[in-house]
Amino acid sequence: MKNVLIDGVLGGILIGIISYLSSIFGNKPYFYKILAFMWAVPLTFFFFINMASRDGKQPIADFSKHAILGSILTLIIAYITLNIMHLN
């Protein structure tokens, strides 16, 4: 229960900081570039790996495999999004 509370608080703080920064800098063009970079950098990956490591090595391997799949799908969707922006 303690781990759930700690993870919930840390995740809430992270999302809260992003929301706060968005309300301040959301109208600046560089904000979304920085936000996208921070999202793409594996900062959250290590947070989730830490959570998975509490249950052993297999959850780490499972999480990593699914993270690769999710990253590939995200790249495909981002590519499609960039291409359809030029359509009417």
Protein backbone atom coordinates (compact mmCIF):
# COMPACT_ATOMS: atom_id res chain seq x y z
CA MET A 1 0.00 0.00 0.00
CA LYS A 2 2.89 2.32 0.79
CA ASN A 3 4.35 1.80 -2.71
CA VAL A 4 1.02 2.65 -4.33
CA LEU A 5 0.81 5.85 -2.33
CA ILE A 6 4.37 6.88 -3.20
CA ASP A 7 3.89 6.08 -6.90
CA GLY A 8 0.58 7.93 -6.97
CA VAL A 9 2.06 11.01 -5.32
CA LEU A 10 5.11 11.05 -7.62
CA GLY A 11 2.96 10.57 -10.73
CA GLY A 12 0.53 13.24 -9.56
CA ILE A 13 3.34 15.68 -8.92
CA LEU A 14 4.80 15.01 -12.38
CA ILE A 15 1.49 15.55 -14.16
CA GLY A 16 0.75 18.56 -11.95
CA ILE A 17 4.05 20.19 -12.88
CA ILE A 18 3.40 19.60 -16.58
CA SER A 19 -0.11 21.05 -16.25
CA TYR A 20 1.18 24.09 -14.36
CA LEU A 21 3.92 24.74 -16.91
CA SER A 22 1.38 24.35 -19.70
CA SER A 23 -0.82 27.03 -18.18
CA ILE A 24 2.13 29.41 -17.99
CA PHE A 25 4.04 28.65 -21.19
CA GLY A 26 1.35 26.99 -23.36
CA ASN A 27 1.21 29.91 -25.77
CA LYS A 28 4.95 29.82 -26.43
CA PRO A 29 5.99 27.72 -29.45
CA TYR A 30 9.06 26.30 -27.73
CA PHE A 31 7.05 24.87 -24.82
CA TYR A 32 5.62 22.00 -26.84
CA LYS A 33 9.02 21.25 -28.34
CA ILE A 34 10.51 20.96 -24.86
CA LEU A 35 7.53 18.95 -23.62
CA ALA A 36 7.81 16.53 -26.56
CA PHE A 37 11.53 16.12 -25.95
CA MET A 38 10.98 15.39 -22.28
CA TRP A 39 8.22 12.93 -23.14
CA ALA A 40 10.45 11.16 -25.68
CA VAL A 41 13.45 11.02 -23.35
CA PRO A 42 13.16 7.90 -21.25
CA LEU A 43 12.64 9.71 -17.95
CA THR A 44 9.33 8.00 -17.27
CA PHE A 45 10.76 4.70 -18.48
CA PHE A 46 13.04 4.54 -15.45
CA PHE A 47 10.17 5.49 -13.14
CA PHE A 48 8.12 2.56 -14.44
CA ILE A 49 11.11 0.19 -14.49
CA ASN A 50 11.60 1.01 -10.82
CA MET A 51 7.98 0.04 -10.17
CA ALA A 52 8.30 -3.18 -12.17
CA SER A 53 11.58 -4.14 -10.49
CA ARG A 54 9.77 -4.67 -7.19
CA ASP A 55 8.31 -7.88 -8.63
CA GLY A 56 11.48 -9.33 -10.16
CA LYS A 57 13.26 -9.52 -13.49
CA GLN A 58 10.43 -10.89 -15.63
CA PRO A 59 8.19 -7.82 -15.16
CA ILE A 60 11.14 -5.63 -16.21
CA ALA A 61 11.56 -7.68 -19.39
CA ASP A 62 7.82 -7.65 -20.10
CA PHE A 63 7.61 -3.90 -19.54
CA SER A 64 10.62 -3.23 -21.78
CA LYS A 65 9.20 -5.33 -24.63
CA HIS A 66 5.87 -3.55 -24.45
CA ALA A 67 7.62 -0.18 -24.21
CA ILE A 68 9.42 -0.93 -27.47
CA LEU A 69 6.13 -1.87 -29.14
CA GLY A 70 4.43 1.26 -27.80
CA SER A 71 7.32 3.46 -28.95
CA ILE A 72 7.18 2.01 -32.46
CA LEU A 73 3.42 2.60 -32.63
CA THR A 74 3.90 6.14 -31.33
CA LEU A 75 6.47 6.83 -34.05
CA ILE A 76 4.07 5.52 -36.70
CA ILE A 77 1.19 7.65 -35.37
CA ALA A 78 3.42 10.75 -35.14
CA TYR A 79 4.55 10.20 -38.73
CA ILE A 80 0.95 9.81 -39.93
CA THR A 81 -0.06 12.92 -37.99
CA LEU A 82 2.69 14.98 -39.62
CA ASN A 83 1.62 13.77 -43.05
CA ILE A 84 -2.12 14.36 -42.67
CA MET A 85 -1.61 17.89 -41.39
CA HIS A 86 -1.02 18.96 -44.99
CA LEU A 87 -4.45 17.71 -46.10
CA ASN A 88 -7.56 19.91 -46.13
